[in-house]
Protein backbone atom coordinates (compact mmCIF):
# COMPACT_ATOMS: atom_id res chain seq x y z
CA MET A 1 68.44 44.88 -49.69
CA LYS A 2 66.24 43.69 -52.53
CA LYS A 3 69.23 41.96 -54.13
CA GLN A 4 70.06 40.17 -50.85
CA PHE A 5 66.44 39.07 -50.50
CA MET A 6 66.46 37.60 -54.03
CA LEU A 7 69.74 35.80 -53.33
CA LEU A 8 68.25 34.30 -50.16
CA ILE A 9 65.15 33.11 -52.03
CA SER A 10 67.35 31.61 -54.77
CA PHE A 11 69.47 29.79 -52.20
CA ILE A 12 66.42 28.30 -50.46
CA PHE A 13 64.99 27.22 -53.81
CA PHE A 14 68.31 25.62 -54.77
CA MET A 15 68.46 23.71 -51.46
CA LEU A 16 64.90 22.46 -51.86
CA MET A 17 65.59 21.30 -55.38
CA ASN A 18 68.57 19.27 -54.15
CA VAL A 19 66.83 17.53 -51.24
CA SER A 20 66.51 13.79 -51.79
CA PRO A 21 63.14 13.10 -53.47
CA ALA A 22 62.27 10.77 -50.60
CA PHE A 23 62.23 13.65 -48.18
CA ALA A 24 61.14 16.42 -50.52
CA THR A 25 57.61 15.07 -50.83
CA ASN A 26 57.33 12.63 -47.91
CA ASN A 27 58.52 12.22 -44.37
CA PRO A 28 61.09 9.45 -43.68
CA ARG A 29 58.28 6.89 -43.33
CA ASN A 30 57.07 7.53 -46.92
CA ILE A 31 53.55 8.42 -45.80
CA TYR A 32 51.07 10.61 -47.65
CA ASP A 33 48.37 12.46 -45.68
CA VAL A 34 45.03 12.39 -47.49
CA LYS A 35 43.72 15.88 -48.24
CA PRO A 36 40.32 17.26 -49.31
CA GLY A 37 39.63 16.33 -52.93
CA ASP A 38 41.92 13.30 -52.89
CA TYR A 39 40.86 9.91 -54.18
CA LEU A 40 42.83 6.72 -54.74
CA TRP A 41 43.22 7.05 -58.52
CA LYS A 42 44.64 10.57 -58.16
CA ILE A 43 47.14 9.50 -55.48
CA ALA A 44 48.11 6.40 -57.46
CA ALA A 45 48.80 8.49 -60.56
CA THR A 46 50.90 10.95 -58.55
CA TYR A 47 53.14 8.20 -57.19
CA ARG A 48 53.23 6.14 -60.41
CA THR A 49 51.45 3.12 -58.97
CA SER A 50 47.98 1.55 -59.19
CA VAL A 51 44.87 1.76 -57.04
CA GLU A 52 45.12 -1.98 -56.41
CA ASP A 53 48.72 -1.62 -55.23
CA LEU A 54 47.80 1.22 -52.87
CA LYS A 55 45.03 -0.93 -51.43
CA LEU A 56 47.39 -3.86 -50.86
CA ILE A 57 50.11 -1.67 -49.37
CA ASN A 58 47.70 -0.03 -46.95
CA GLY A 59 45.23 -2.82 -46.25
CA LEU A 60 42.30 -0.87 -47.67
CA GLN A 61 39.04 -2.80 -47.71
CA SER A 62 37.42 -0.46 -50.24
CA ASP A 63 38.21 2.55 -52.43
CA VAL A 64 36.93 4.94 -49.76
CA ILE A 65 39.53 7.13 -48.06
CA PHE A 66 39.14 9.95 -45.53
CA VAL A 67 40.82 13.30 -45.03
CA GLY A 68 43.63 12.87 -42.52
CA GLN A 69 44.15 9.20 -43.36
CA LYS A 70 47.79 8.21 -43.84
CA LEU A 71 48.76 6.14 -46.87
CA ARG A 72 52.10 4.53 -47.55
CA VAL A 73 53.26 5.29 -51.08
CA PRO A 74 56.18 4.31 -53.37
CA ILE A 75 58.93 6.94 -53.44
CA SER A 76 62.08 7.87 -55.35
CA TYR A 77 65.26 8.00 -53.33
CA LYS A 78 68.82 9.12 -54.08
CA VAL A 79 71.41 6.88 -52.43
CA VAL A 80 73.74 8.61 -49.97
CA SER A 81 76.86 7.45 -48.16
CA GLY A 82 76.17 4.63 -45.72
CA ASP A 83 73.00 3.41 -47.42
CA THR A 84 72.43 -0.30 -47.97
CA LEU A 85 69.41 -2.07 -49.36
CA TRP A 86 68.68 -3.51 -45.94
CA LYS A 87 68.82 -0.10 -44.26
CA LEU A 88 66.56 1.40 -46.92
CA SER A 89 64.09 -1.47 -46.59
CA GLN A 90 63.90 -0.88 -42.83
CA SER A 91 63.60 2.90 -43.15
CA PHE A 92 60.85 2.79 -45.75
CA ASN A 93 58.81 -0.26 -44.67
CA SER A 94 59.96 -2.24 -47.71
CA THR A 95 61.99 -5.38 -48.37
CA VAL A 96 65.37 -5.89 -50.01
CA GLN A 97 63.83 -8.09 -52.69
CA SER A 98 61.04 -5.67 -53.58
CA ILE A 99 63.55 -2.82 -53.97
CA LYS A 100 65.72 -5.03 -56.18
CA THR A 101 62.74 -6.07 -58.29
CA ALA A 102 61.46 -2.50 -58.65
CA ASN A 103 64.87 -1.33 -59.86
CA GLY A 104 66.01 -4.36 -61.87
CA LEU A 105 68.92 -5.02 -59.51
CA THR A 106 70.63 -8.41 -59.68
CA THR A 107 72.91 -7.83 -56.66
CA ASN A 108 72.68 -5.98 -53.34
CA THR A 109 75.28 -3.43 -54.44
CA ILE A 110 74.10 0.19 -54.70
CA TYR A 111 76.03 3.40 -55.41
CA ILE A 112 76.07 6.93 -54.01
CA GLY A 113 73.92 9.12 -56.23
CA GLN A 114 71.93 6.17 -57.61
CA ASN A 115 68.19 6.83 -57.92
CA LEU A 116 66.04 4.04 -56.52
CA ARG A 117 62.31 3.48 -56.51
CA ILE A 118 61.28 2.11 -53.11
CA PRO A 119 57.88 0.39 -52.92
CA PRO A 120 56.38 -0.26 -49.45
CA LYS A 121 55.57 -3.83 -48.46
CA ARG A 122 52.19 -5.16 -49.44
CA LEU A 123 49.92 -6.62 -46.80
CA THR A 124 48.42 -10.07 -47.26
CA MET A 125 44.79 -9.75 -48.35
CA GLN A 126 41.92 -11.81 -49.74
CA GLY A 127 38.92 -9.69 -50.58
CA LYS A 128 38.19 -7.49 -47.55
CA PHE A 129 40.18 -9.73 -45.18
CA VAL A 130 43.57 -8.27 -44.16
CA LEU A 131 46.10 -10.60 -42.47
CA MET A 132 48.74 -8.85 -40.34
CA THR A 133 51.42 -9.24 -37.72
CA ARG A 134 51.15 -7.26 -34.49
CA GLU A 135 53.54 -4.61 -35.81
CA GLU A 136 51.66 -4.33 -39.09
CA PHE A 137 48.39 -3.95 -37.22
CA LYS A 138 49.88 -1.16 -35.10
CA ASP A 139 50.76 0.71 -38.29
CA TRP A 140 47.35 -0.03 -39.82
CA ILE A 141 45.21 1.07 -36.87
CA PHE A 142 47.00 4.40 -36.40
CA ASN A 143 47.10 5.25 -40.11
CA HIS A 144 43.38 4.75 -40.71
CA VAL A 145 40.60 7.24 -40.02
CA PHE A 146 37.41 5.93 -38.41
CA ILE A 147 34.13 7.80 -38.57
CA ARG A 148 32.31 5.65 -36.01
CA LYS A 149 32.75 6.25 -32.29
CA ILE A 150 34.25 3.24 -30.48
CA GLY A 151 33.43 3.01 -26.78
CA LYS A 152 33.44 -0.75 -26.14
CA ILE A 153 35.83 -3.54 -27.12
CA GLN A 154 34.15 -6.95 -27.02
CA GLN A 155 36.22 -10.06 -26.27
CA HIS A 156 34.95 -13.38 -27.65
CA HIS A 157 36.36 -16.81 -28.39
CA THR A 158 35.24 -18.72 -31.43
CA TRP A 159 34.81 -22.06 -29.61
CA SER A 160 34.51 -23.46 -33.13
CA PRO A 161 36.77 -23.21 -35.08
CA SER A 162 39.20 -24.29 -32.39
CA TYR A 163 42.93 -24.99 -32.44
CA HIS A 164 42.19 -28.34 -34.06
CA ASP A 165 40.93 -26.52 -37.17
CA PHE A 166 43.92 -24.19 -37.59
CA ASN A 167 46.80 -25.64 -39.64
CA GLY A 168 49.10 -22.63 -39.51
CA SER A 169 48.22 -21.16 -42.90
CA ASN A 170 44.43 -21.36 -43.34
CA HIS A 171 43.57 -17.96 -41.85
CA PHE A 172 41.49 -16.91 -44.84
CA THR A 173 39.71 -20.25 -45.15
CA LEU A 174 38.57 -20.05 -41.53
CA MET A 175 37.53 -16.42 -41.98
CA LYS A 176 35.41 -17.34 -45.00
CA ASP A 177 33.88 -20.28 -43.15
CA MET A 178 32.93 -18.03 -40.24
CA GLU A 179 31.45 -15.45 -42.59
CA GLU A 180 29.47 -18.12 -44.40
CA TYR A 181 27.99 -19.28 -41.10
CA HIS A 182 27.18 -15.72 -40.04
CA VAL A 183 25.47 -14.92 -43.34
CA THR A 184 23.64 -18.16 -44.13
CA GLY A 185 23.27 -19.56 -40.62
CA MET A 186 22.53 -16.40 -38.67
CA GLY A 187 21.15 -14.15 -41.38
CA TRP A 188 23.64 -11.35 -40.85
CA SER A 189 24.92 -9.14 -43.66
CA GLN A 190 28.57 -10.24 -43.40
CA ILE A 191 31.06 -11.57 -40.87
CA SER A 192 30.17 -10.23 -37.42
CA GLN A 193 33.58 -9.53 -35.89
CA HIS A 194 35.99 -6.79 -36.85
CA LEU A 195 39.17 -8.54 -35.72
CA THR A 196 40.17 -12.17 -35.34
CA THR A 197 43.31 -13.34 -33.54
CA PHE A 198 44.95 -16.67 -34.39
CA PRO A 199 47.15 -19.17 -32.53
CA ASP A 200 50.23 -18.06 -34.52
CA GLY A 201 49.82 -14.49 -33.25
CA ARG A 202 48.46 -13.04 -36.48
CA VAL A 203 45.38 -10.84 -36.61
CA VAL A 204 42.84 -10.52 -39.43
CA VAL A 205 40.61 -7.53 -40.08
CA GLY A 206 37.23 -8.80 -41.24
CA ARG A 207 34.18 -6.60 -40.84
CA PRO A 208 35.14 -2.97 -41.58
CA ILE A 209 35.58 -1.10 -38.30
CA ASN A 210 33.37 1.75 -39.52
CA THR A 211 30.47 -0.75 -39.55
CA ALA A 212 28.96 -1.79 -36.22
CA PRO A 213 29.14 -5.52 -35.36
CA GLU A 214 26.09 -7.71 -35.72
CA GLY A 215 24.35 -10.22 -33.50
CA SER A 216 26.76 -10.51 -30.58
CA PHE A 217 24.25 -9.53 -27.89
CA GLY A 218 20.47 -9.35 -27.62
CA LEU A 219 19.63 -11.86 -30.34
CA LEU A 220 15.93 -11.72 -29.47
CA ASN A 221 15.83 -7.97 -28.89
CA LYS A 222 17.01 -6.12 -31.98
CA SER A 223 16.59 -2.65 -30.51
CA ALA A 224 18.80 -3.61 -27.56
CA MET A 225 21.26 -5.29 -29.92
CA HIS A 226 21.64 -2.21 -32.09
CA GLU A 227 22.07 0.04 -29.06
CA ILE A 228 24.78 -2.19 -27.58
CA GLU A 229 26.61 -2.65 -30.87
CA ALA A 230 26.49 1.00 -31.98
CA ASP A 231 29.83 1.88 -30.36
CA SER A 232 31.29 -1.64 -30.12
CA LEU A 233 34.29 -3.25 -31.77
CA ALA A 234 34.22 -7.05 -31.73
CA ILE A 235 37.27 -9.31 -31.40
CA GLU A 236 37.02 -13.07 -31.93
CA ASN A 237 39.94 -15.09 -30.61
CA VAL A 238 40.24 -18.38 -32.49
CA GLY A 239 40.11 -21.24 -30.00
CA ASN A 240 38.06 -22.83 -27.26
CA PHE A 241 39.35 -21.26 -24.06
CA ASP A 242 37.02 -22.97 -21.63
CA ILE A 243 39.08 -24.79 -19.01
CA GLY A 244 40.14 -28.25 -20.21
CA ASN A 245 40.17 -27.33 -23.88
CA ASN A 246 42.69 -25.27 -25.89
CA GLN A 247 45.74 -23.97 -24.04
CA MET A 248 46.30 -20.49 -25.47
CA THR A 249 49.64 -20.11 -27.26
CA ALA A 250 52.12 -17.48 -26.07
CA GLU A 251 51.91 -15.79 -29.49
CA GLN A 252 48.13 -15.45 -29.42
CA ARG A 253 48.23 -14.32 -25.82
CA GLU A 254 50.66 -11.54 -26.73
CA THR A 255 48.53 -10.54 -29.72
CA ILE A 256 45.32 -10.33 -27.68
CA ILE A 257 47.05 -8.09 -25.13
CA THR A 258 48.74 -5.96 -27.80
CA VAL A 259 45.70 -5.55 -30.04
CA THR A 260 43.50 -4.62 -27.06
CA ALA A 261 46.14 -2.10 -25.90
CA LEU A 262 46.41 -0.58 -29.37
CA LEU A 263 42.64 -0.22 -29.65
CA ASN A 264 42.46 1.46 -26.24
CA LEU A 265 45.16 3.91 -27.27
CA ARG A 266 43.66 4.53 -30.70
CA PHE A 267 40.16 5.24 -29.38
CA GLY A 268 41.09 6.96 -26.13
CA LEU A 269 39.88 4.23 -23.78
CA THR A 270 41.09 2.83 -20.45
CA PRO A 271 40.47 -0.88 -19.72
CA THR A 272 37.44 -1.19 -17.42
CA ILE A 273 34.39 -3.44 -17.38
CA ASP A 274 32.61 -0.73 -19.35
CA SER A 275 35.20 -0.37 -22.13
CA VAL A 276 36.67 -3.89 -22.47
CA THR A 277 33.77 -6.27 -22.06
CA TYR A 278 33.39 -10.06 -22.10
CA HIS A 279 30.55 -11.78 -23.94
CA HIS A 280 29.85 -13.74 -20.73
CA TRP A 281 28.63 -10.58 -19.01
CA TRP A 282 25.59 -10.17 -21.26
CA ASP A 283 22.31 -12.04 -21.70
CA VAL A 284 22.57 -13.16 -25.32
CA ASN A 285 18.81 -13.08 -25.83
CA THR A 286 17.72 -9.87 -24.11
CA GLY A 287 20.95 -7.86 -24.31
CA GLU A 288 20.87 -7.16 -20.56
CA ARG A 289 24.30 -6.67 -18.98
CA VAL A 290 24.37 -9.08 -16.04
CA LEU A 291 28.13 -9.08 -15.33
CA ASP A 292 28.76 -11.80 -12.69
CA HIS A 293 25.05 -12.28 -11.86
CA SER A 294 24.14 -14.70 -14.63
CA GLU A 295 21.72 -16.93 -12.70
CA GLY A 296 18.50 -17.26 -14.67
CA HIS A 297 19.97 -15.61 -17.75
CA ALA A 298 21.02 -16.98 -21.13
CA VAL A 299 24.78 -16.44 -21.05
CA LYS A 300 27.78 -17.95 -22.81
CA SER A 301 31.11 -18.77 -21.20
CA CYS A 302 32.77 -16.67 -23.96
CA PRO A 303 35.64 -15.61 -24.08
CA GLY A 304 36.25 -18.74 -22.04
CA THR A 305 36.43 -19.89 -18.43
CA GLY A 306 40.21 -20.10 -18.89
CA PHE A 307 40.61 -16.74 -20.69
CA PHE A 308 43.41 -14.94 -18.81
CA GLY A 309 42.45 -16.64 -15.59
CA GLY A 310 38.69 -16.73 -16.10
CA ASN A 311 35.68 -14.87 -17.44
CA SER A 312 34.45 -12.98 -14.37
CA THR A 313 34.83 -9.24 -13.83
CA THR A 314 37.31 -9.99 -11.03
CA ASP A 315 39.38 -12.12 -13.42
CA ALA A 316 39.38 -9.29 -15.94
CA ARG A 317 40.39 -6.67 -13.37
CA ASN A 318 43.09 -8.81 -11.80
CA ASN A 319 44.52 -10.68 -14.77
CA PHE A 320 43.69 -9.08 -18.11
CA TYR A 321 43.36 -5.32 -17.65
CA PRO A 322 46.72 -4.89 -15.85
CA GLN A 323 48.53 -6.59 -18.73
CA VAL A 324 46.71 -4.40 -21.25
CA LEU A 325 47.62 -1.27 -19.26
CA ARG A 326 51.30 -2.25 -19.12
CA LYS A 327 51.30 -2.84 -22.85
CA MET A 328 49.65 0.54 -23.42
CA GLN A 329 52.43 2.22 -21.43
CA GLU A 330 55.08 0.28 -23.33
CA ILE A 331 53.61 1.22 -26.72
CA SER A 332 53.17 4.88 -25.73
CA ALA A 333 56.80 5.09 -24.60
CA SER A 334 58.00 3.58 -27.89
CA MET A 335 56.03 6.14 -29.91
CA GLN A 336 57.47 9.21 -28.15
């Protein structure tokens, strides 16, 4: 009996030793779960990469990581029958060219038994700003850990910059300009909004989500402002969406719906006037929530009189929330 037990243990050990390295230490999406005692340098050393590379791969705005956070990491992989560089790039969130570069390959030909190093794609970053597609943002928002409760998602439009100021590639320039105005013009500590959507459908993370937004409501009543902002996440949608101005692109429209749906799913919210709120519904000076009763109050049209049919609570309930709910159901079904 003892001999049989030892043979069984030896067999299991042999099988584990012969599992492809990609799956021996990671799941098929090459993700590492942060554990107590982990820090970026330690993880980087384990996976033979750098802290800077880990930050670019994962869109990290600082060196701070949290237990339970998921980080994409470079892995080693042994080629099996049916593998191609394209298939591997899709399976491991990489690109054909980055795999070729990492392994010194001059052609797309690979061989069974060949050991490859597969680096995940890097996100596009400048400083703390992270530029992403909708799919990249989905990955980013579910892999991060947030220590601040989120109970409200604020919808804004920038008004300025508008579509006229966007040239298709100046995302970071516009982000820096907005931050400069918020810091020097408004006296805030950094850019106010957490997320910014653009006409091309891209989204930029600006203010870290674990930091409450600043100055959106109650500009003359700081205590009210801090109370409102404590559980808020602010989205600025680049453009002037008052009727007669910018006509929202289909790409930005889809991003606003998708990002709002992802945030609702991530933070356990359902779209209502309490959880997905328009700037127009608040007195910007006092911080009072006036909803559709804005007479005698200092209110903005933000996120625009033409934002998904209008900026009233009825417009939100009839035109915006149903689209967000459908997208939430679509995303949930795809993740099962």
